[in-house]
C-alpha atoms as a PDB file:
ATOM      1  CA  MET A   1      -0.014   0.045   0.006  1.00  0.00           C
ATOM      2  CA  SER A   2       1.424   3.477  -0.812  1.00  0.00           C
ATOM      3  CA  ALA A   3       1.156   6.365   1.518  1.00  0.00           C
ATOM      4  CA  ALA A   4      -0.653   8.459  -1.161  1.00  0.00           C
ATOM      5  CA  ILE A   5      -4.028   9.827  -0.418  1.00  0.00           C
ATOM      6  CA  VAL A   6      -6.777   8.103  -2.278  1.00  0.00           C
ATOM      7  CA  LEU A   7      -9.028  10.489  -4.164  1.00  0.00           C
ATOM      8  CA  LEU A   8     -12.729   9.885  -4.504  1.00  0.00           C
ATOM      9  CA  ASP A   9     -15.341  11.977  -6.543  1.00  0.00           C
ATOM     10  CA  PRO A  10     -18.480  12.164  -4.348  1.00  0.00           C
ATOM     11  CA  ALA A  11     -20.560  10.711  -7.221  1.00  0.00           C
ATOM     12  CA  ASP A  12     -18.259   7.637  -7.600  1.00  0.00           C
ATOM     13  CA  GLN A  13     -16.949   4.639  -5.833  1.00  0.00           C
ATOM     14  CA  ALA A  14     -13.283   3.990  -4.867  1.00  0.00           C
ATOM     15  CA  LEU A  15     -11.606   0.555  -4.843  1.00  0.00           C
ATOM     16  CA  VAL A  16      -8.595   0.514  -2.462  1.00  0.00           C
ATOM     17  CA  THR A  17      -6.155  -2.517  -2.436  1.00  0.00           C
ATOM     18  CA  ILE A  18      -3.931  -2.966   0.592  1.00  0.00           C
ATOM     19  CA  ASN A  19      -0.773  -5.191   0.220  1.00  0.00           C
ATOM     20  CA  TRP A  20      -0.055  -7.098   3.351  1.00  0.00           C
ATOM     21  CA  SER A  21       2.911  -9.097   1.939  1.00  0.00           C
ATOM     22  CA  ASP A  22       5.330  -7.504   4.256  1.00  0.00           C
ATOM     23  CA  VAL A  23       3.704  -9.315   7.189  1.00  0.00           C
ATOM     24  CA  ALA A  24       4.875 -12.659   5.726  1.00  0.00           C
ATOM     25  CA  ILE A  25       8.322 -12.138   7.332  1.00  0.00           C
ATOM     26  CA  GLY A  26       9.248 -15.214   9.315  1.00  0.00           C
ATOM     27  CA  GLY A  27       6.551 -17.377   7.853  1.00  0.00           C
ATOM     28  CA  LEU A  28       3.630 -15.333   9.284  1.00  0.00           C
ATOM     29  CA  GLU A  29       0.390 -15.646   7.487  1.00  0.00           C
ATOM     30  CA  ILE A  30      -2.949 -13.807   7.318  1.00  0.00           C
ATOM     31  CA  VAL A  31      -5.656 -15.626   9.460  1.00  0.00           C
ATOM     32  CA  GLY A  32      -9.247 -15.238   8.333  1.00  0.00           C
ATOM     33  CA  PHE A  33     -10.464 -11.992   6.687  1.00  0.00           C
ATOM     34  CA  VAL A  34      -9.312  -8.391   6.825  1.00  0.00           C
ATOM     35  CA  THR A  35     -11.749  -6.133   8.383  1.00  0.00           C
ATOM     36  CA  HIS A  36     -12.138  -2.654   6.881  1.00  0.00           C
ATOM     37  CA  THR A  37     -13.735   0.152   8.926  1.00  0.00           C
ATOM     38  CA  VAL A  38     -15.036   3.253   7.223  1.00  0.00           C
ATOM     39  CA  PRO A  39     -16.359   6.377   8.982  1.00  0.00           C
ATOM     40  CA  ALA A  40     -19.683   7.902   8.279  1.00  0.00           C
ATOM     41  CA  PRO A  41     -20.876   9.158   5.744  1.00  0.00           C
ATOM     42  CA  LEU A  42     -18.788   6.590   3.769  1.00  0.00           C
ATOM     43  CA  VAL A  43     -20.461   3.328   3.027  1.00  0.00           C
ATOM     44  CA  LYS A  44     -18.567   0.114   2.587  1.00  0.00           C
ATOM     45  CA  ILE A  45     -19.936  -1.652  -0.437  1.00  0.00           C
ATOM     46  CA  ILE A  46     -17.639  -4.720  -0.475  1.00  0.00           C
ATOM     47  CA  GLU A  47     -14.447  -6.079   1.118  1.00  0.00           C
ATOM     48  CA  ILE A  48     -12.302  -8.898  -0.128  1.00  0.00           C
ATOM     49  CA  THR A  49      -9.360 -10.765   1.349  1.00  0.00           C
ATOM     50  CA  ASP A  50      -7.070 -12.759  -0.837  1.00  0.00           C
ATOM     51  CA  VAL A  51      -4.845 -14.811   1.416  1.00  0.00           C
ATOM     52  CA  ALA A  52      -2.903 -16.229  -1.560  1.00  0.00           C
ATOM     53  CA  THR A  53      -1.728 -12.866  -2.760  1.00  0.00           C
ATOM     54  CA  LYS A  54      -1.688 -11.223   0.745  1.00  0.00           C
ATOM     55  CA  THR A  55      -3.977  -8.437  -0.373  1.00  0.00           C
ATOM     56  CA  SER A  56      -7.277  -7.040   0.711  1.00  0.00           C
ATOM     57  CA  GLN A  57      -9.636  -4.684  -1.044  1.00  0.00           C
ATOM     58  CA  VAL A  58     -12.429  -2.389   0.063  1.00  0.00           C
ATOM     59  CA  ARG A  59     -14.849  -0.404  -2.184  1.00  0.00           C
ATOM     60  CA  VAL A  60     -16.551   2.658  -0.657  1.00  0.00           C
ATOM     61  CA  THR A  61     -18.897   5.334  -1.747  1.00  0.00           C
ATOM     62  CA  GLY A  62     -20.806   8.240  -0.039  1.00  0.00           C
ATOM     63  CA  ALA A  63     -18.088  10.829   0.299  1.00  0.00           C
ATOM     64  CA  VAL A  64     -18.917  14.443   0.712  1.00  0.00           C
ATOM     65  CA  HIS A  65     -16.906  16.966  -1.419  1.00  0.00           C
ATOM     66  CA  GLY A  66     -13.893  18.281   0.571  1.00  0.00           C
ATOM     67  CA  GLY A  67     -14.195  15.576   3.228  1.00  0.00           C
ATOM     68  CA  MET A  68     -11.118  13.715   4.473  1.00  0.00           C
ATOM     69  CA  TYR A  69     -11.645  10.300   5.872  1.00  0.00           C
ATOM     70  CA  MET A  70      -9.381   7.690   7.536  1.00  0.00           C
ATOM     71  CA  VAL A  71     -10.253   4.102   6.497  1.00  0.00           C
ATOM     72  CA  GLU A  72      -8.818   1.452   8.827  1.00  0.00           C
ATOM     73  CA  ALA A  73      -7.884  -2.142   7.941  1.00  0.00           C
ATOM     74  CA  THR A  74      -7.350  -4.856  10.691  1.00  0.00           C
ATOM     75  CA  VAL A  75      -5.961  -8.331  10.132  1.00  0.00           C
ATOM     76  CA  GLU A  76      -4.916 -11.135  12.427  1.00  0.00           C
ATOM     77  CA  LEU A  77      -1.678 -12.990  11.867  1.00  0.00           C
ATOM     78  CA  SER A  78      -0.873 -16.616  12.485  1.00  0.00           C
ATOM     79  CA  ASN A  79       1.100 -15.666  15.676  1.00  0.00           C
ATOM     80  CA  GLY A  80      -2.089 -14.049  17.161  1.00  0.00           C
ATOM     81  CA  GLU A  81      -0.808 -10.484  16.542  1.00  0.00           C
ATOM     82  CA  ILE A  82      -3.425  -7.944  15.272  1.00  0.00           C
ATOM     83  CA  LEU A  83      -2.230  -5.385  12.813  1.00  0.00           C
ATOM     84  CA  ASN A  84      -3.941  -2.139  11.928  1.00  0.00           C
ATOM     85  CA  ARG A  85      -3.323   0.007   8.958  1.00  0.00           C
ATOM     86  CA  GLN A  86      -4.943   3.368   8.193  1.00  0.00           C
ATOM     87  CA  PHE A  87      -5.104   5.215   4.913  1.00  0.00           C
ATOM     88  CA  PRO A  88      -6.589   8.676   4.077  1.00  0.00           C
ATOM     89  CA  LEU A  89      -9.291   9.091   1.478  1.00  0.00           C
ATOM     90  CA  ARG A  90     -10.139  12.648   0.248  1.00  0.00           C
ATOM     91  CA  ALA A  91     -13.290  13.568  -1.624  1.00  0.00           C
ATOM     92  CA  PHE A  92     -13.275  16.094  -4.436  1.00  0.00           C
ATOM     93  CA  ASN A  93     -15.427  17.129  -7.442  1.00  0.00           C
ATOM     94  CA  GLY A  94     -13.282  16.349 -10.431  1.00  0.00           C
END
């Protein structure tokens, strides 16, 4: 996942992909599904976890022009550790 801000036109949807491959150090694996949390007024349309490629995706909509939102992703690793990652999403009328 890059540190860049994800841009979203309020009339559209955004699909964000998070790469978790850096957690595979020492043989650790993703256990179960990644949970993506989005703040209001955003709406989570779908979330996908692909354990084989160590990625997760979340599709959101409902942004308000000028809004800045922090989307959080939480995953459990095979050693029981819980990781949280956050990324910013900015709404604009393009």
